[in-house]
Structures are given as structure tokens and as C-alpha cells.
Amino acid sequence: MPSLGPRVPQQSGPVLSSWELIELSYEAAMAPELWGRVFQALGTLVGQRPTTAVLRGFGPTRYINCESPEANFHEISPIQVFTTKALSRRGFVLGVVEGKVIDDWGDLPSEASQTTALVLFNVQGATLDGASQMTLRGALPHVLRSIQVHFTLEHFEHEAKSLSACLDTMGHRVMVLARDGSVVFLNTAAKRCIDQASEMELENHVLRCALPSDDEALRSLTERALDAPDQDAAVRLSGGITLFARASGPGSATVFLADADTTRSLSPALLQQTFDLTAAEAEVASLFATGDAPGAIGERLELSDRVVRRHIKTIQTKTGTKRHVELVTRLLQTLPPLDRPL
């Protein structure tokens, strides 16, 4: 989520209607630089200056000077709010707590309460006229809700960045694809793999393959994952890259990439210790987790297809997984980076 911007100087302007203020608030949830205008509009409706908006329930209490709003909720200001004793019963104007409009100071929750609240104060103890009171009573619950949306989106963005960094550190190549092949999410490791691969490329945020047969296989992979959410889907491209996919939400699939160079990146010895596998099971798990099909594993280890599949079943039992994609994910999640052989 981008910064909410620097201090916004007070500008006189038309008083917004309830619907205009509501619309502006929800726009600000998606475009944080607009929050300065939202709080200026609140101050204009109160009429008297300075008006202070107190925001609770989103971490530390935040104090926003509506005359010159810090459109960054993370700064606690201004100090003069305390020296002028604006946050008092006399200065209380109107508030909204958990979506309910509060008209009386005595109904406000305590400072220690974790409830979400937006409360307006004015050092001069402003009395709202009928039109302003009606506008604020209609708009304030939506302003608080839009602020909640803002912080939720900010949290999700932070989590996405943290997850991407974690996956990169572990060497996992992960992307999320929509049904049409457009990339919803792509971590750095996956992007690096695609950039270095000759059979795939990103074109206008859509993953495409150089060979028509590979491109068709990629589209089929996403379709199969989405049409059968409870089943695994995998495909091996002509250049050696194997893609594992499973549905991760409405219209999107999470895809793990394993290229031919990572075949022996997972240490059988560590797999054996981590999951209490036999030596033979660990060898099979090492190859299976990095993209080899049961037939290829059998050829490499000189085992029959039946024996390889029996080992995979046993490995699933020991790792607590039921599907192949879950097994691969479980193996990768508990191991050091794939790009750093043990």
C-alpha cells in the first residue's frame, strides 16, 4: 500500500454531501493519497477549527488534525491536541464505534478498548447544525468502514510481500495464474526461472510458451486445476520445467515450478531424517519433489513403477498428505533453499 502522503494544507472548498463523502472515503481506501481530503471534509462539516479526528482500534490511537491532516495514519499527531485539552467532554462532537453513531461522550468506549472507533473533537465545543449533523451521521460509519478496508488491504499487501520474500529465500518458484493465463502473483524466484527459460516468457502479464504444444499444455494445466479443485494437476514442458498446480481460489491456481537443474537439490539424507523415511523412500521423495514422474524415477533408480508408487504412498502417509501437490508442497516447505544444495 503506498504512503498516504505528506501533510495536506487546509483548502477551503464546498461542503460535501453525505453521498459524496462516502464515495470519497471508499476511493481513499484504494487511493490513500485521498485521505487528506476526507479529513478536511470532516473538518469543514464541523465548521469550527481546529477539529481533531481520533482513530482507535487499528494499532496505536491516531490523532488527525482535520485542518492540516497528516494523511499518514501511522504518525500520532498533533501534540497541541493534548495541550489545548481538545479531547474532552466539552470538545466532543460526534463519533462512530463499530459502525454505530455515538452522540453522547459517556457512551464512548475507554481508551483501552480494542473496538474500532472514529471520534470528532473540537476545542471550541462546536455544535453541529442540522444539515451537517445529518451528513456526518450518514457518512461516518462508512468512513470508518473504508478506513478498515484501507488497513486490511495494507495488511494483505504486507503479508504478500512477506510471503514472497519467504518463498524467495527458500528457493521456491511460485506463481498464481488466472484461467486465461494472466499472472496474478509471481515471486522473484519464479520470475528468474522464467527469464532464464527458453520455453516460457511473460508477455503483458500473461505467461506464454514458445511451442504451441507447451502453450496448450500450460492452459490445460490451469483449466484442470480449476475444474477439479480436489485433484492434482501437473505438466512437464519440453525444456524440462515441471509445473505443479492446484486451485487456490475462485478463478486462480497456484503453480510451483521445478526446472531440470533442481533435480538433486533436495538432500535424501535430510528427507530421511525429517520424515523418518527409509533410504529408498528418501531417494524417491527427493526426485518426486523436484519434478520427476514415477516412471522417470523408476528408470533412474532401477525400480518398477509399482514399487515407486508404493513408496510414494508410504511417503504421503509419513508426511500426512493425501495428494501429490500436497506432498510436494510439504517436502519443499520444510527444507532449506532449493538453490543451495546441502
Protein backbone atom coordinates (compact mmCIF):
# COMPACT_ATOMS: atom_id res chain seq x y z
CA MET A 1 0.00 0.00 0.00
CA PRO A 2 1.57 3.34 -0.98
CA SER A 3 2.19 6.04 1.64
CA LEU A 4 -0.77 8.21 2.44
CA GLY A 5 1.35 11.23 1.59
CA PRO A 6 2.67 14.38 3.27
CA ARG A 7 0.82 16.97 5.29
CA VAL A 8 -2.01 18.45 3.23
CA PRO A 9 -2.60 22.19 3.73
CA GLN A 10 -6.16 23.19 4.52
CA GLN A 11 -8.07 24.38 1.48
CA SER A 12 -11.49 25.91 1.59
CA GLY A 13 -13.97 24.16 -0.64
CA PRO A 14 -17.59 23.20 -0.97
CA VAL A 15 -19.20 21.20 1.81
CA LEU A 16 -19.61 17.61 0.65
CA SER A 17 -22.91 15.82 0.83
CA SER A 18 -23.19 12.54 2.71
CA TRP A 19 -23.04 10.51 -0.51
CA GLU A 20 -20.07 12.49 -1.83
CA LEU A 21 -18.17 11.96 1.42
CA ILE A 22 -18.98 8.25 1.41
CA GLU A 23 -17.82 7.90 -2.19
CA LEU A 24 -14.61 9.82 -1.46
CA SER A 25 -13.90 7.60 1.57
CA TYR A 26 -14.15 4.35 -0.38
CA GLU A 27 -11.99 5.85 -3.13
CA ALA A 28 -9.42 6.72 -0.45
CA ALA A 29 -9.37 3.10 0.71
CA MET A 30 -7.93 2.23 -2.72
CA ALA A 31 -6.05 5.51 -3.32
CA PRO A 32 -4.61 6.53 0.09
CA GLU A 33 -3.47 9.95 -1.09
CA LEU A 34 -7.15 10.98 -0.90
CA TRP A 35 -7.40 10.58 2.88
CA GLY A 36 -6.29 14.18 3.38
CA ARG A 37 -9.37 15.34 1.50
CA VAL A 38 -11.61 13.07 3.57
CA PHE A 39 -10.47 14.55 6.87
CA GLN A 40 -10.56 18.08 5.50
CA ALA A 41 -14.19 17.44 4.51
CA LEU A 42 -14.96 16.24 8.05
CA GLY A 43 -13.40 19.37 9.49
CA THR A 44 -15.38 21.56 7.10
CA LEU A 45 -18.63 19.92 8.16
CA VAL A 46 -17.86 20.53 11.84
CA GLY A 47 -17.24 24.16 10.91
CA GLN A 48 -15.15 25.32 13.88
CA ARG A 49 -11.36 24.96 13.78
CA PRO A 50 -9.33 23.08 14.78
CA THR A 51 -11.19 19.77 14.58
CA THR A 52 -9.38 16.59 15.61
CA ALA A 53 -10.33 13.10 14.44
CA VAL A 54 -9.36 10.31 16.82
CA LEU A 55 -8.98 6.87 15.28
CA ARG A 56 -8.91 3.78 17.51
CA GLY A 57 -8.76 0.04 17.01
CA PHE A 58 -6.06 -0.06 14.33
CA GLY A 59 -2.95 -0.33 16.46
CA PRO A 60 -1.93 2.77 18.42
CA THR A 61 -4.52 5.54 18.73
CA ARG A 62 -4.08 8.07 15.96
CA TYR A 63 -4.87 11.78 16.17
CA ILE A 64 -5.54 13.57 12.90
CA ASN A 65 -5.72 17.35 12.65
CA CYS A 66 -8.53 17.90 10.14
CA GLU A 67 -7.30 21.42 9.45
CA SER A 68 -3.96 20.13 8.22
CA PRO A 69 -4.29 16.35 8.09
CA GLU A 70 -1.34 14.03 8.23
CA ALA A 71 -2.76 11.74 5.61
CA ASN A 72 -0.44 9.08 7.06
CA PHE A 73 -2.30 7.23 9.80
CA HIS A 74 0.96 5.96 11.24
CA GLU A 75 2.02 9.28 12.75
CA ILE A 76 0.49 10.22 16.08
CA SER A 77 -0.07 13.98 15.98
CA PRO A 78 -0.57 16.78 16.77
CA ILE A 79 0.77 17.32 20.29
CA GLN A 80 -1.24 20.54 20.69
CA VAL A 81 -4.37 18.38 20.87
CA PHE A 82 -3.34 17.48 24.41
CA THR A 83 -2.11 20.92 25.48
CA THR A 84 -5.41 22.53 24.44
CA LYS A 85 -7.41 19.76 26.12
CA ALA A 86 -9.46 19.29 22.95
CA LEU A 87 -10.16 15.63 23.72
CA SER A 88 -12.68 16.30 26.46
CA ARG A 89 -16.37 16.06 27.11
CA ARG A 90 -16.72 19.73 26.18
CA GLY A 91 -14.89 19.18 22.89
CA PHE A 92 -16.78 16.05 21.85
CA VAL A 93 -18.68 16.50 18.58
CA LEU A 94 -19.73 13.10 17.21
CA GLY A 95 -18.37 9.58 16.93
CA VAL A 96 -18.92 6.15 15.44
CA VAL A 97 -17.99 2.94 17.27
CA GLU A 98 -18.14 -0.41 15.47
CA GLY A 99 -20.48 1.18 12.91
CA LYS A 100 -22.83 2.72 15.49
CA VAL A 101 -23.12 6.51 15.69
CA ILE A 102 -22.43 7.90 19.20
CA ASP A 103 -23.99 11.22 20.21
CA ASP A 104 -23.03 11.22 23.89
CA TRP A 105 -19.49 11.40 25.30
CA GLY A 106 -20.40 8.97 28.05
CA ASP A 107 -21.16 6.22 25.51
CA LEU A 108 -17.62 6.21 24.11
CA PRO A 109 -15.52 3.11 24.93
CA SER A 110 -12.45 3.53 27.11
CA GLU A 111 -9.05 4.27 25.62
CA ALA A 112 -8.00 0.69 26.38
CA SER A 113 -10.87 -0.76 24.36
CA GLN A 114 -9.93 -2.61 21.19
CA THR A 115 -13.12 -1.60 19.38
CA THR A 116 -12.77 0.37 16.16
CA ALA A 117 -13.87 3.96 16.53
CA LEU A 118 -13.67 7.32 14.79
CA VAL A 119 -14.43 10.30 17.03
CA LEU A 120 -14.51 14.01 16.18
CA PHE A 121 -13.46 16.63 18.74
CA ASN A 122 -13.28 20.41 18.58
CA VAL A 123 -11.53 22.60 21.11
CA GLN A 124 -14.33 25.15 20.88
CA GLY A 125 -17.02 22.56 21.51
CA ALA A 126 -18.73 23.06 18.16
CA THR A 127 -22.46 22.48 17.90
CA LEU A 128 -23.47 20.98 14.59
CA ASP A 129 -26.26 22.48 12.54
CA GLY A 130 -29.00 20.14 11.37
CA ALA A 131 -27.63 19.60 7.85
CA SER A 132 -24.06 18.93 8.99
CA GLN A 133 -25.23 16.56 11.71
CA MET A 134 -27.33 14.59 9.23
CA THR A 135 -24.43 14.40 6.76
CA LEU A 136 -21.95 13.24 9.39
CA ARG A 137 -24.34 10.71 10.92
CA GLY A 138 -24.88 9.17 7.49
CA ALA A 139 -21.25 9.26 6.38
CA LEU A 140 -19.16 8.49 9.50
CA PRO A 141 -19.97 4.75 9.65
CA HIS A 142 -18.85 4.43 6.02
CA VAL A 143 -15.70 6.48 6.65
CA LEU A 144 -14.78 4.11 9.48
CA ARG A 145 -15.54 1.09 7.30
CA SER A 146 -13.41 2.46 4.46
CA ILE A 147 -10.55 3.03 6.92
CA GLN A 148 -10.90 -0.62 7.95
CA VAL A 149 -10.70 -1.62 4.27
CA HIS A 150 -7.56 0.51 3.93
CA PHE A 151 -5.80 -1.21 6.81
CA THR A 152 -6.99 -4.64 5.65
CA LEU A 153 -5.54 -4.06 2.19
CA GLU A 154 -2.35 -2.73 3.74
CA HIS A 155 -2.11 -5.87 5.87
CA PHE A 156 -2.69 -8.14 2.87
CA GLU A 157 -0.04 -6.32 0.86
CA HIS A 158 2.44 -6.64 3.70
CA GLU A 159 1.63 -10.35 4.05
CA ALA A 160 2.04 -10.87 0.29
CA LYS A 161 5.44 -9.18 0.35
CA SER A 162 6.50 -11.22 3.37
CA LEU A 163 5.30 -14.45 1.76
CA SER A 164 7.08 -13.61 -1.48
CA ALA A 165 10.31 -12.86 0.39
CA CYS A 166 9.98 -16.10 2.37
CA LEU A 167 9.38 -18.15 -0.77
CA ASP A 168 12.33 -16.46 -2.47
CA THR A 169 14.60 -17.22 0.49
CA MET A 170 13.55 -20.86 0.44
CA GLY A 171 14.17 -21.06 -3.30
CA HIS A 172 10.53 -21.89 -4.11
CA ARG A 173 9.35 -20.79 -7.52
CA VAL A 174 5.69 -19.91 -7.09
CA MET A 175 3.13 -18.06 -9.16
CA VAL A 176 -0.62 -17.66 -9.22
CA LEU A 177 -2.31 -17.89 -12.62
CA ALA A 178 -5.81 -16.93 -13.69
CA ARG A 179 -7.75 -19.17 -16.04
CA ASP A 180 -6.69 -17.13 -19.08
CA GLY A 181 -3.00 -17.49 -18.18
CA SER A 182 -2.59 -13.99 -16.76
CA VAL A 183 -0.22 -13.78 -13.81
CA VAL A 184 -1.88 -12.73 -10.56
CA PHE A 185 1.25 -13.20 -8.44
CA LEU A 186 4.84 -14.05 -9.27
CA ASN A 187 7.64 -14.28 -6.75
CA THR A 188 11.21 -13.36 -7.61
CA ALA A 189 12.44 -16.93 -7.82
CA ALA A 190 9.72 -17.84 -10.32
CA LYS A 191 10.38 -14.73 -12.40
CA ARG A 192 14.09 -15.56 -12.50
CA CYS A 193 13.28 -19.10 -13.62
CA ILE A 194 11.00 -17.83 -16.40
CA ASP A 195 13.52 -15.21 -17.52
CA GLN A 196 16.19 -17.88 -17.84
CA ALA A 197 13.96 -20.44 -19.55
CA SER A 198 13.80 -20.56 -23.32
CA GLU A 199 10.36 -22.22 -23.45
CA MET A 200 8.43 -19.59 -21.42
CA GLU A 201 8.07 -15.83 -21.30
CA LEU A 202 5.89 -13.14 -19.77
CA GLU A 203 4.04 -11.05 -22.32
CA ASN A 204 1.80 -8.26 -20.99
CA HIS A 205 1.44 -10.10 -17.66
CA VAL A 206 0.41 -13.31 -19.43
CA LEU A 207 2.57 -16.44 -19.26
CA ARG A 208 3.15 -17.90 -22.70
CA CYS A 209 5.20 -20.78 -24.06
CA ALA A 210 7.34 -20.71 -27.21
CA LEU A 211 5.99 -24.01 -28.52
CA PRO A 212 2.26 -24.29 -29.26
CA SER A 213 2.18 -27.73 -27.65
CA ASP A 214 3.67 -26.34 -24.41
CA ASP A 215 1.31 -23.37 -24.50
CA GLU A 216 -1.65 -25.70 -24.86
CA ALA A 217 -0.35 -27.89 -22.02
CA LEU A 218 0.00 -24.83 -19.77
CA ARG A 219 -3.58 -23.71 -20.46
CA SER A 220 -4.80 -27.25 -19.90
CA LEU A 221 -2.93 -27.38 -16.58
CA THR A 222 -4.72 -24.29 -15.26
CA GLU A 223 -8.08 -25.50 -16.55
CA ARG A 224 -7.67 -28.91 -14.90
CA ALA A 225 -6.65 -27.36 -11.58
CA LEU A 226 -9.65 -25.04 -11.57
CA ASP A 227 -12.21 -27.52 -12.86
CA ALA A 228 -11.20 -30.21 -10.35
CA PRO A 229 -10.08 -28.37 -7.18
CA ASP A 230 -9.70 -31.62 -5.24
CA GLN A 231 -7.34 -33.18 -7.76
CA ASP A 232 -3.69 -32.59 -8.57
CA ALA A 233 -2.52 -31.22 -11.90
CA ALA A 234 1.00 -31.34 -13.32
CA VAL A 235 2.71 -30.98 -16.68
CA ARG A 236 6.30 -31.22 -17.88
CA LEU A 237 7.28 -28.79 -20.64
CA SER A 238 9.61 -29.71 -23.50
CA GLY A 239 12.54 -27.83 -21.93
CA GLY A 240 12.40 -29.85 -18.71
CA ILE A 241 10.44 -27.48 -16.46
CA THR A 242 7.71 -29.22 -14.48
CA LEU A 243 4.67 -27.30 -13.28
CA PHE A 244 2.51 -28.46 -10.36
CA ALA A 245 -0.84 -26.70 -9.94
CA ARG A 246 -3.83 -26.66 -7.63
CA ALA A 247 -6.82 -24.35 -7.30
CA SER A 248 -6.15 -21.59 -4.79
CA GLY A 249 -9.34 -19.55 -5.10
CA PRO A 250 -12.13 -18.60 -7.47
CA GLY A 251 -10.59 -18.41 -10.92
CA SER A 252 -6.94 -18.78 -9.89
CA ALA A 253 -4.43 -21.61 -9.43
CA THR A 254 -1.16 -21.73 -7.50
CA VAL A 255 1.64 -23.13 -9.63
CA PHE A 256 5.03 -24.44 -8.43
CA LEU A 257 7.86 -24.56 -10.95
CA ALA A 258 10.68 -27.11 -10.84
CA ASP A 259 13.29 -26.98 -13.58
CA ALA A 260 15.63 -29.72 -14.74
CA ASP A 261 18.58 -28.18 -12.86
CA THR A 262 16.99 -28.69 -9.45
CA THR A 263 16.58 -32.46 -9.74
CA ARG A 264 19.07 -33.27 -6.95
CA SER A 265 18.70 -30.09 -4.87
CA LEU A 266 16.81 -31.87 -2.09
CA SER A 267 19.05 -33.94 0.11
CA PRO A 268 17.76 -37.54 0.52
CA ALA A 269 19.62 -37.73 3.84
CA LEU A 270 17.78 -34.73 5.25
CA LEU A 271 14.46 -36.00 3.90
CA GLN A 272 15.13 -39.30 5.63
CA GLN A 273 15.78 -37.59 8.97
CA THR A 274 12.93 -35.09 8.69
CA PHE A 275 10.15 -37.52 7.80
CA ASP A 276 11.55 -40.80 9.17
CA LEU A 277 11.83 -42.29 5.68
CA THR A 278 13.83 -45.29 4.62
CA ALA A 279 16.82 -44.65 2.36
CA ALA A 280 14.87 -45.88 -0.68
CA GLU A 281 11.84 -43.73 0.18
CA ALA A 282 14.09 -40.68 0.64
CA GLU A 283 15.61 -41.17 -2.83
CA VAL A 284 12.14 -41.39 -4.36
CA ALA A 285 10.92 -38.33 -2.38
CA SER A 286 13.95 -36.28 -3.48
CA LEU A 287 13.29 -36.92 -7.16
CA PHE A 288 9.50 -36.68 -6.92
CA ALA A 289 9.59 -33.32 -5.09
CA THR A 290 11.68 -31.76 -7.83
CA GLY A 291 9.52 -32.79 -10.73
CA ASP A 292 10.28 -36.34 -11.82
CA ALA A 293 7.28 -38.51 -12.70
CA PRO A 294 7.04 -42.01 -11.19
CA GLY A 295 8.13 -43.60 -14.48
CA ALA A 296 11.25 -41.41 -14.70
CA ILE A 297 12.07 -42.12 -11.04
CA GLY A 298 11.80 -45.84 -11.68
CA GLU A 299 14.19 -45.64 -14.63
CA ARG A 300 16.67 -43.58 -12.67
CA LEU A 301 16.62 -45.76 -9.55
CA GLU A 302 16.07 -49.02 -11.46
CA LEU A 303 12.77 -49.68 -9.72
CA SER A 304 9.48 -50.88 -11.11
CA ASP A 305 6.61 -48.42 -11.47
CA ARG A 306 4.65 -50.40 -8.88
CA VAL A 307 7.45 -50.09 -6.30
CA VAL A 308 7.86 -46.35 -6.93
CA ARG A 309 4.15 -45.73 -6.46
CA ARG A 310 4.12 -47.82 -3.29
CA HIS A 311 7.00 -45.69 -1.94
CA ILE A 312 5.09 -42.51 -2.79
CA LYS A 313 2.02 -43.79 -0.93
CA THR A 314 4.15 -44.56 2.11
CA ILE A 315 5.80 -41.13 1.94
CA GLN A 316 2.36 -39.50 1.84
CA THR A 317 1.36 -41.39 4.96
CA LYS A 318 4.52 -40.35 6.81
CA THR A 319 4.17 -36.70 5.75
CA GLY A 320 0.44 -36.54 6.49
CA THR A 321 -0.51 -35.66 2.91
CA LYS A 322 -3.13 -37.13 0.59
CA ARG A 323 -2.46 -35.57 -2.80
CA HIS A 324 0.70 -35.30 -4.86
CA VAL A 325 0.70 -31.49 -4.85
CA GLU A 326 0.30 -31.51 -1.07
CA LEU A 327 3.23 -33.91 -0.80
CA VAL A 328 5.48 -31.75 -2.97
CA THR A 329 4.48 -28.63 -1.04
CA ARG A 330 5.13 -30.38 2.27
CA LEU A 331 8.58 -31.52 1.21
CA LEU A 332 9.56 -28.09 -0.10
CA GLN A 333 8.19 -26.16 2.87
CA THR A 334 10.35 -27.96 5.41
CA LEU A 335 13.65 -27.85 3.56
CA PRO A 336 16.43 -25.29 3.05
CA PRO A 337 16.61 -23.35 -0.26
CA LEU A 338 16.46 -25.46 -3.37
CA ASP A 339 19.19 -23.33 -4.94
CA ARG A 340 21.66 -24.24 -2.15
CA PRO A 341 22.37 -27.98 -2.20
CA LEU A 342 23.13 -29.40 1.21
